[in-house]
Amino acid sequence: MNILIINGANINFLGIREKAVYGNKSYEDLLKMIEEKAGATGDRVEVFQSNHEGAIIDRIQDAYSDGTEGIIINPGAYTHYSYAIRDALASVDMPKIEIHISDISTREEFRHVSVTAEVCDEQIKGLGLEGYLTAIDHIRELKK
């Protein structure tokens, strides 16, 4: 399966920012975990990260025609207000899972609302970096 993982704003700063919330593992550690999982499942997994909303939208739109079969997205703070990313996700007809490292429903009130979740098949939150591995398993099930 061809899976696209999109990481939004500040996800590249894992291991640097708010360690009490996001842990000590780095973004490179996350990439290695994903690579190992892809090797175990035999999937082709591309990871894309951007701090720029338009770049994320462009990558979602590219997924429409580049052979991507499922999207896992951690929009970061864009989760809570980016109707543009929401609309881009709604435009592509494939399984989509929204992921969050922390449990956004237990954090600051503004984080409780996700404008992107309603156009995804599932939301995974609060499992740490392992949530990405769970999301890969779930997206594979959705594709069956």
N, C-alpha and C. Protein backbone atom coordinates (compact mmCIF):
# COMPACT_ATOMS: atom_id res chain seq x y z
N MET A 1 0.84 -1.18 0.00
CA MET A 1 0.00 0.00 0.00
C MET A 1 0.88 1.24 0.00
N ASN A 2 0.47 2.27 -0.72
CA ASN A 2 1.17 3.55 -0.74
C ASN A 2 0.52 4.50 0.25
N ILE A 3 1.22 4.77 1.33
CA ILE A 3 0.70 5.60 2.42
C ILE A 3 1.50 6.90 2.48
N LEU A 4 0.78 7.99 2.64
CA LEU A 4 1.38 9.30 2.82
C LEU A 4 1.14 9.75 4.25
N ILE A 5 2.20 10.08 4.96
CA ILE A 5 2.09 10.65 6.30
C ILE A 5 2.48 12.12 6.19
N ILE A 6 1.56 12.98 6.60
CA ILE A 6 1.79 14.43 6.56
C ILE A 6 1.89 14.94 7.99
N ASN A 7 2.96 15.65 8.27
CA ASN A 7 3.14 16.30 9.57
C ASN A 7 3.17 17.80 9.38
N GLY A 8 2.37 18.48 10.16
CA GLY A 8 2.25 19.92 10.06
C GLY A 8 3.22 20.67 10.96
N ALA A 9 2.81 21.85 11.28
CA ALA A 9 3.65 22.82 11.97
C ALA A 9 4.25 22.28 13.27
N ASN A 10 5.53 22.48 13.40
CA ASN A 10 6.32 22.22 14.60
C ASN A 10 6.56 20.74 14.91
N ILE A 11 6.01 19.84 14.11
CA ILE A 11 6.25 18.42 14.38
C ILE A 11 7.73 18.09 14.18
N ASN A 12 8.40 18.83 13.32
CA ASN A 12 9.83 18.63 13.11
C ASN A 12 10.66 18.99 14.34
N PHE A 13 10.04 19.60 15.34
CA PHE A 13 10.75 19.99 16.56
C PHE A 13 10.51 18.99 17.70
N LEU A 14 10.08 17.77 17.37
CA LEU A 14 9.94 16.74 18.40
C LEU A 14 11.28 16.55 19.11
N GLY A 15 11.23 16.35 20.42
CA GLY A 15 12.44 16.19 21.20
C GLY A 15 13.05 17.51 21.63
N ILE A 16 12.53 18.59 21.06
CA ILE A 16 13.02 19.93 21.39
C ILE A 16 11.93 20.71 22.13
N ARG A 17 10.71 20.65 21.60
CA ARG A 17 9.62 21.47 22.15
C ARG A 17 8.79 20.69 23.16
N GLU A 18 8.39 21.34 24.20
CA GLU A 18 7.43 20.81 25.18
C GLU A 18 7.60 19.32 25.44
N LYS A 19 8.75 18.94 25.96
CA LYS A 19 9.07 17.53 26.18
C LYS A 19 8.08 16.85 27.12
N ALA A 20 7.50 17.60 28.04
CA ALA A 20 6.52 17.02 28.96
C ALA A 20 5.26 16.58 28.22
N VAL A 21 4.99 17.20 27.08
CA VAL A 21 3.81 16.87 26.28
C VAL A 21 4.16 15.86 25.19
N TYR A 22 5.26 16.09 24.48
CA TYR A 22 5.59 15.32 23.28
C TYR A 22 6.70 14.29 23.47
N GLY A 23 7.36 14.31 24.62
CA GLY A 23 8.41 13.33 24.90
C GLY A 23 9.78 13.78 24.43
N ASN A 24 10.74 12.89 24.64
CA ASN A 24 12.15 13.20 24.35
C ASN A 24 12.62 12.71 22.99
N LYS A 25 11.82 11.87 22.34
CA LYS A 25 12.25 11.34 21.05
C LYS A 25 12.19 12.43 19.99
N SER A 26 13.15 12.38 19.08
CA SER A 26 13.28 13.41 18.04
C SER A 26 12.42 13.06 16.83
N TYR A 27 12.33 14.00 15.91
CA TYR A 27 11.64 13.76 14.65
C TYR A 27 12.35 12.64 13.88
N GLU A 28 13.66 12.61 13.95
CA GLU A 28 14.42 11.55 13.28
C GLU A 28 14.07 10.18 13.88
N ASP A 29 13.85 10.14 15.20
CA ASP A 29 13.41 8.90 15.84
C ASP A 29 12.06 8.46 15.28
N LEU A 30 11.15 9.41 15.11
CA LEU A 30 9.84 9.10 14.54
C LEU A 30 10.00 8.54 13.13
N LEU A 31 10.82 9.18 12.32
CA LEU A 31 11.03 8.71 10.95
C LEU A 31 11.58 7.29 10.92
N LYS A 32 12.48 6.99 11.83
CA LYS A 32 13.05 5.65 11.90
C LYS A 32 11.97 4.64 12.29
N MET A 33 11.13 4.98 13.26
CA MET A 33 10.03 4.09 13.67
C MET A 33 9.11 3.79 12.48
N ILE A 34 8.79 4.82 11.73
CA ILE A 34 7.90 4.66 10.58
C ILE A 34 8.57 3.80 9.50
N GLU A 35 9.84 4.05 9.26
CA GLU A 35 10.59 3.27 8.26
C GLU A 35 10.61 1.79 8.64
N GLU A 36 10.84 1.50 9.92
CA GLU A 36 10.86 0.11 10.38
C GLU A 36 9.49 -0.53 10.24
N LYS A 37 8.45 0.21 10.55
CA LYS A 37 7.08 -0.31 10.42
C LYS A 37 6.78 -0.61 8.95
N ALA A 38 7.15 0.31 8.07
CA ALA A 38 6.92 0.10 6.63
C ALA A 38 7.65 -1.13 6.14
N GLY A 39 8.86 -1.34 6.65
CA GLY A 39 9.61 -2.53 6.27
C GLY A 39 8.92 -3.80 6.73
N ALA A 40 8.31 -3.75 7.91
CA ALA A 40 7.63 -4.92 8.45
C ALA A 40 6.32 -5.22 7.72
N THR A 41 5.63 -4.17 7.28
CA THR A 41 4.33 -4.37 6.61
C THR A 41 4.46 -4.48 5.10
N GLY A 42 5.60 -4.06 4.57
CA GLY A 42 5.80 -4.09 3.13
C GLY A 42 5.15 -2.93 2.40
N ASP A 43 4.77 -1.90 3.14
CA ASP A 43 4.14 -0.72 2.54
C ASP A 43 5.20 0.27 2.09
N ARG A 44 4.80 1.10 1.14
CA ARG A 44 5.61 2.26 0.74
C ARG A 44 5.04 3.44 1.51
N VAL A 45 5.84 3.99 2.40
CA VAL A 45 5.38 5.10 3.24
C VAL A 45 6.25 6.31 2.96
N GLU A 46 5.60 7.38 2.54
CA GLU A 46 6.28 8.66 2.35
C GLU A 46 5.89 9.57 3.51
N VAL A 47 6.88 10.24 4.09
CA VAL A 47 6.61 11.19 5.16
C VAL A 47 6.93 12.59 4.64
N PHE A 48 5.97 13.47 4.81
CA PHE A 48 6.11 14.87 4.37
C PHE A 48 5.85 15.75 5.58
N GLN A 49 6.70 16.74 5.79
CA GLN A 49 6.51 17.68 6.89
C GLN A 49 6.66 19.09 6.37
N SER A 50 5.76 19.97 6.80
CA SER A 50 5.90 21.38 6.48
C SER A 50 5.29 22.23 7.57
N ASN A 51 5.90 23.37 7.79
CA ASN A 51 5.35 24.37 8.70
C ASN A 51 4.46 25.36 7.95
N HIS A 52 4.23 25.10 6.67
CA HIS A 52 3.50 26.03 5.82
C HIS A 52 2.19 25.41 5.34
N GLU A 53 1.10 26.07 5.64
CA GLU A 53 -0.23 25.57 5.31
C GLU A 53 -0.39 25.26 3.82
N GLY A 54 0.05 26.16 2.97
CA GLY A 54 -0.09 25.97 1.53
C GLY A 54 0.66 24.76 1.03
N ALA A 55 1.84 24.50 1.58
CA ALA A 55 2.62 23.32 1.17
C ALA A 55 1.88 22.03 1.55
N ILE A 56 1.24 22.04 2.70
CA ILE A 56 0.46 20.87 3.14
C ILE A 56 -0.72 20.65 2.19
N ILE A 57 -1.39 21.73 1.84
CA ILE A 57 -2.52 21.64 0.90
C ILE A 57 -2.04 21.12 -0.45
N ASP A 58 -0.93 21.65 -0.94
CA ASP A 58 -0.38 21.19 -2.22
C ASP A 58 -0.08 19.69 -2.17
N ARG A 59 0.49 19.22 -1.05
CA ARG A 59 0.84 17.80 -0.97
C ARG A 59 -0.41 16.92 -0.92
N ILE A 60 -1.44 17.37 -0.22
CA ILE A 60 -2.70 16.63 -0.21
C ILE A 60 -3.28 16.57 -1.61
N GLN A 61 -3.26 17.67 -2.32
CA GLN A 61 -3.80 17.68 -3.69
C GLN A 61 -2.98 16.78 -4.61
N ASP A 62 -1.67 16.76 -4.45
CA ASP A 62 -0.82 15.88 -5.26
C ASP A 62 -1.17 14.41 -5.01
N ALA A 63 -1.59 14.10 -3.79
CA ALA A 63 -1.94 12.72 -3.44
C ALA A 63 -3.10 12.20 -4.27
N TYR A 64 -3.92 13.09 -4.78
CA TYR A 64 -5.07 12.70 -5.60
C TYR A 64 -4.65 11.87 -6.82
N SER A 65 -3.48 12.20 -7.38
CA SER A 65 -3.10 11.55 -8.64
C SER A 65 -1.73 10.88 -8.64
N ASP A 66 -1.08 10.79 -7.49
CA ASP A 66 0.28 10.25 -7.49
C ASP A 66 0.39 8.80 -7.00
N GLY A 67 -0.75 8.13 -6.86
CA GLY A 67 -0.73 6.74 -6.42
C GLY A 67 -0.90 6.54 -4.93
N THR A 68 -1.06 7.62 -4.19
CA THR A 68 -1.30 7.50 -2.76
C THR A 68 -2.63 6.79 -2.52
N GLU A 69 -2.62 5.84 -1.60
CA GLU A 69 -3.83 5.07 -1.31
C GLU A 69 -4.42 5.38 0.05
N GLY A 70 -3.71 6.10 0.89
CA GLY A 70 -4.21 6.49 2.20
C GLY A 70 -3.34 7.57 2.79
N ILE A 71 -3.98 8.45 3.57
CA ILE A 71 -3.27 9.58 4.19
C ILE A 71 -3.41 9.49 5.70
N ILE A 72 -2.29 9.64 6.39
CA ILE A 72 -2.25 9.83 7.83
C ILE A 72 -1.74 11.25 8.03
N ILE A 73 -2.49 12.05 8.78
CA ILE A 73 -2.10 13.46 8.92
C ILE A 73 -2.12 13.90 10.37
N ASN A 74 -1.03 14.54 10.77
CA ASN A 74 -0.96 15.27 12.03
C ASN A 74 -0.82 16.74 11.64
N PRO A 75 -1.94 17.46 11.57
CA PRO A 75 -1.85 18.85 11.11
C PRO A 75 -1.20 19.80 12.10
N GLY A 76 -0.86 19.32 13.30
CA GLY A 76 -0.34 20.23 14.32
C GLY A 76 -1.41 21.26 14.67
N ALA A 77 -1.01 22.47 14.90
CA ALA A 77 -1.96 23.52 15.29
C ALA A 77 -3.00 23.81 14.20
N TYR A 78 -2.69 23.47 12.95
CA TYR A 78 -3.68 23.67 11.87
C TYR A 78 -4.95 22.87 12.11
N THR A 79 -4.86 21.84 12.93
CA THR A 79 -6.02 21.01 13.29
C THR A 79 -7.19 21.86 13.72
N HIS A 80 -6.91 22.91 14.43
CA HIS A 80 -7.94 23.65 15.15
C HIS A 80 -8.55 24.80 14.36
N TYR A 81 -7.97 25.12 13.20
CA TYR A 81 -8.52 26.28 12.49
C TYR A 81 -8.35 26.26 10.97
N SER A 82 -7.66 25.29 10.41
CA SER A 82 -7.40 25.36 8.98
C SER A 82 -8.51 24.69 8.17
N TYR A 83 -9.47 25.51 7.79
CA TYR A 83 -10.52 25.02 6.91
C TYR A 83 -9.97 24.74 5.51
N ALA A 84 -8.87 25.35 5.17
CA ALA A 84 -8.26 25.09 3.86
C ALA A 84 -7.68 23.68 3.82
N ILE A 85 -7.01 23.24 4.88
CA ILE A 85 -6.51 21.87 4.94
C ILE A 85 -7.69 20.91 5.02
N ARG A 86 -8.70 21.26 5.78
CA ARG A 86 -9.91 20.44 5.88
C ARG A 86 -10.53 20.22 4.49
N ASP A 87 -10.65 21.30 3.73
CA ASP A 87 -11.25 21.20 2.40
C ASP A 87 -10.39 20.37 1.45
N ALA A 88 -9.08 20.50 1.57
CA ALA A 88 -8.18 19.68 0.73
C ALA A 88 -8.34 18.20 1.07
N LEU A 89 -8.41 17.88 2.35
CA LEU A 89 -8.62 16.49 2.76
C LEU A 89 -9.96 15.96 2.25
N ALA A 90 -10.98 16.80 2.31
CA ALA A 90 -12.31 16.38 1.84
C ALA A 90 -12.31 16.12 0.34
N SER A 91 -11.39 16.72 -0.37
CA SER A 91 -11.35 16.61 -1.83
C SER A 91 -10.75 15.30 -2.34
N VAL A 92 -10.01 14.59 -1.50
CA VAL A 92 -9.37 13.36 -1.95
C VAL A 92 -10.12 12.16 -1.37
N ASP A 93 -10.54 11.28 -2.26
CA ASP A 93 -11.34 10.13 -1.88
C ASP A 93 -10.45 8.93 -1.63
N MET A 94 -10.00 8.82 -0.40
CA MET A 94 -9.16 7.70 0.04
C MET A 94 -9.24 7.66 1.56
N PRO A 95 -8.85 6.56 2.18
CA PRO A 95 -8.84 6.53 3.64
C PRO A 95 -7.92 7.60 4.22
N LYS A 96 -8.39 8.23 5.29
CA LYS A 96 -7.62 9.30 5.94
C LYS A 96 -7.75 9.14 7.44
N ILE A 97 -6.64 9.25 8.14
CA ILE A 97 -6.63 9.20 9.60
C ILE A 97 -5.90 10.42 10.12
N GLU A 98 -6.54 11.11 11.06
CA GLU A 98 -5.90 12.23 11.76
C GLU A 98 -5.23 11.67 13.01
N ILE A 99 -4.02 12.10 13.25
CA ILE A 99 -3.26 11.61 14.41
C ILE A 99 -2.74 12.77 15.24
N HIS A 100 -2.71 12.55 16.55
CA HIS A 100 -2.11 13.52 17.48
C HIS A 100 -1.30 12.76 18.51
N ILE A 101 -0.11 13.23 18.77
CA ILE A 101 0.78 12.59 19.73
C ILE A 101 0.20 12.69 21.14
N SER A 102 -0.29 13.86 21.48
CA SER A 102 -0.91 14.08 22.79
C SER A 102 -2.43 13.89 22.66
N ASP A 103 -3.08 13.82 23.80
CA ASP A 103 -4.54 13.75 23.79
C ASP A 103 -5.08 15.18 23.79
N ILE A 104 -5.43 15.66 22.60
CA ILE A 104 -5.85 17.06 22.46
C ILE A 104 -7.11 17.37 23.25
N SER A 105 -7.89 16.36 23.59
CA SER A 105 -9.13 16.62 24.34
C SER A 105 -8.88 16.90 25.82
N THR A 106 -7.65 16.69 26.29
CA THR A 106 -7.33 16.96 27.69
C THR A 106 -6.40 18.16 27.85
N ARG A 107 -6.12 18.82 26.76
CA ARG A 107 -5.21 19.96 26.80
C ARG A 107 -5.99 21.28 26.83
N GLU A 108 -5.37 22.36 26.42
CA GLU A 108 -6.03 23.66 26.43
C GLU A 108 -7.34 23.59 25.66
N GLU A 109 -8.29 24.40 26.05
CA GLU A 109 -9.63 24.33 25.46
C GLU A 109 -9.62 24.52 23.95
N PHE A 110 -8.79 25.41 23.44
CA PHE A 110 -8.79 25.65 21.99
C PHE A 110 -8.36 24.41 21.21
N ARG A 111 -7.66 23.48 21.86
CA ARG A 111 -7.21 22.27 21.19
C ARG A 111 -8.30 21.19 21.13
N HIS A 112 -9.39 21.39 21.82
CA HIS A 112 -10.45 20.37 21.87
C HIS A 112 -11.18 20.24 20.54
N VAL A 113 -11.16 21.28 19.73
CA VAL A 113 -11.88 21.26 18.46
C VAL A 113 -10.93 20.93 17.33
N SER A 114 -11.32 19.96 16.52
CA SER A 114 -10.57 19.64 15.30
C SER A 114 -11.49 19.90 14.12
N VAL A 115 -11.08 20.81 13.24
CA VAL A 115 -11.88 21.06 12.04
C VAL A 115 -11.55 20.05 10.95
N THR A 116 -10.46 19.32 11.10
CA THR A 116 -10.06 18.36 10.09
C THR A 116 -10.58 16.94 10.36
N ALA A 117 -10.89 16.63 11.60
CA ALA A 117 -11.31 15.26 11.96
C ALA A 117 -12.57 14.84 11.23
N GLU A 118 -13.49 15.76 11.00
CA GLU A 118 -14.77 15.38 10.39
C GLU A 118 -14.64 14.89 8.96
N VAL A 119 -13.52 15.16 8.30
CA VAL A 119 -13.32 14.67 6.93
C VAL A 119 -12.33 13.51 6.88
N CYS A 120 -11.97 13.01 8.06
CA CYS A 120 -11.12 11.83 8.17
C CYS A 120 -11.96 10.65 8.66
N ASP A 121 -11.50 9.46 8.38
CA ASP A 121 -12.22 8.25 8.79
C ASP A 121 -12.06 7.97 10.27
N GLU A 122 -11.00 8.47 10.85
CA GLU A 122 -10.68 8.13 12.24
C GLU A 122 -9.75 9.20 12.80
N GLN A 123 -9.76 9.33 14.13
CA GLN A 123 -8.80 10.19 14.82
C GLN A 123 -8.13 9.36 15.90
N ILE A 124 -6.82 9.38 15.92
CA ILE A 124 -6.04 8.70 16.95
C ILE A 124 -5.32 9.79 17.74
N LYS A 125 -5.44 9.73 19.07
CA LYS A 125 -4.81 10.77 19.88
C LYS A 125 -4.30 10.19 21.19
N GLY A 126 -3.21 10.75 21.67
CA GLY A 126 -2.71 10.42 22.99
C GLY A 126 -1.90 9.15 23.11
N LEU A 127 -1.47 8.56 22.00
CA LEU A 127 -0.67 7.33 22.06
C LEU A 127 0.82 7.60 21.88
N GLY A 128 1.21 8.86 21.90
CA GLY A 128 2.60 9.20 21.67
C GLY A 128 2.99 8.89 20.23
N LEU A 129 4.27 8.72 20.00
CA LEU A 129 4.75 8.44 18.65
C LEU A 129 4.24 7.08 18.15
N GLU A 130 3.96 6.17 19.06
CA GLU A 130 3.44 4.87 18.68
C GLU A 130 2.09 4.99 17.97
N GLY A 131 1.40 6.10 18.17
CA GLY A 131 0.14 6.34 17.48
C GLY A 131 0.30 6.31 15.96
N TYR A 132 1.46 6.71 15.48
CA TYR A 132 1.71 6.65 14.03
C TYR A 132 1.70 5.21 13.54
N LEU A 133 2.27 4.31 14.33
CA LEU A 133 2.31 2.90 13.95
C LEU A 133 0.92 2.30 13.99
N THR A 134 0.14 2.69 14.98
CA THR A 134 -1.26 2.27 15.06
C THR A 134 -2.02 2.79 13.85
N ALA A 135 -1.76 4.02 13.46
CA ALA A 135 -2.44 4.62 12.31
C ALA A 135 -2.12 3.86 11.03
N ILE A 136 -0.89 3.40 10.88
CA ILE A 136 -0.52 2.61 9.70
C ILE A 136 -1.35 1.33 9.67
N ASP A 137 -1.47 0.67 10.80
CA ASP A 137 -2.30 -0.55 10.86
C ASP A 137 -3.75 -0.25 10.51
N HIS A 138 -4.27 0.84 11.05
CA HIS A 138 -5.67 1.19 10.83
C HIS A 138 -5.94 1.60 9.38
N ILE A 139 -5.02 2.32 8.77
CA ILE A 139 -5.23 2.75 7.38
C ILE A 139 -5.21 1.53 6.46
N ARG A 140 -4.39 0.55 6.80
CA ARG A 140 -4.36 -0.70 6.02
C ARG A 140 -5.71 -1.41 6.12
N GLU A 141 -6.31 -1.41 7.30
CA GLU A 141 -7.61 -2.04 7.49
C GLU A 141 -8.71 -1.29 6.72
N LEU A 142 -8.63 0.02 6.73
CA LEU A 142 -9.62 0.84 6.01
C LEU A 142 -9.57 0.59 4.51
N LYS A 143 -8.40 0.28 4.00
CA LYS A 143 -8.21 0.09 2.56
C LYS A 143 -8.75 -1.26 2.08
N LYS A 144 -8.89 -2.22 3.00
CA LYS A 144 -9.35 -3.56 2.62
C LYS A 144 -10.75 -3.54 2.06
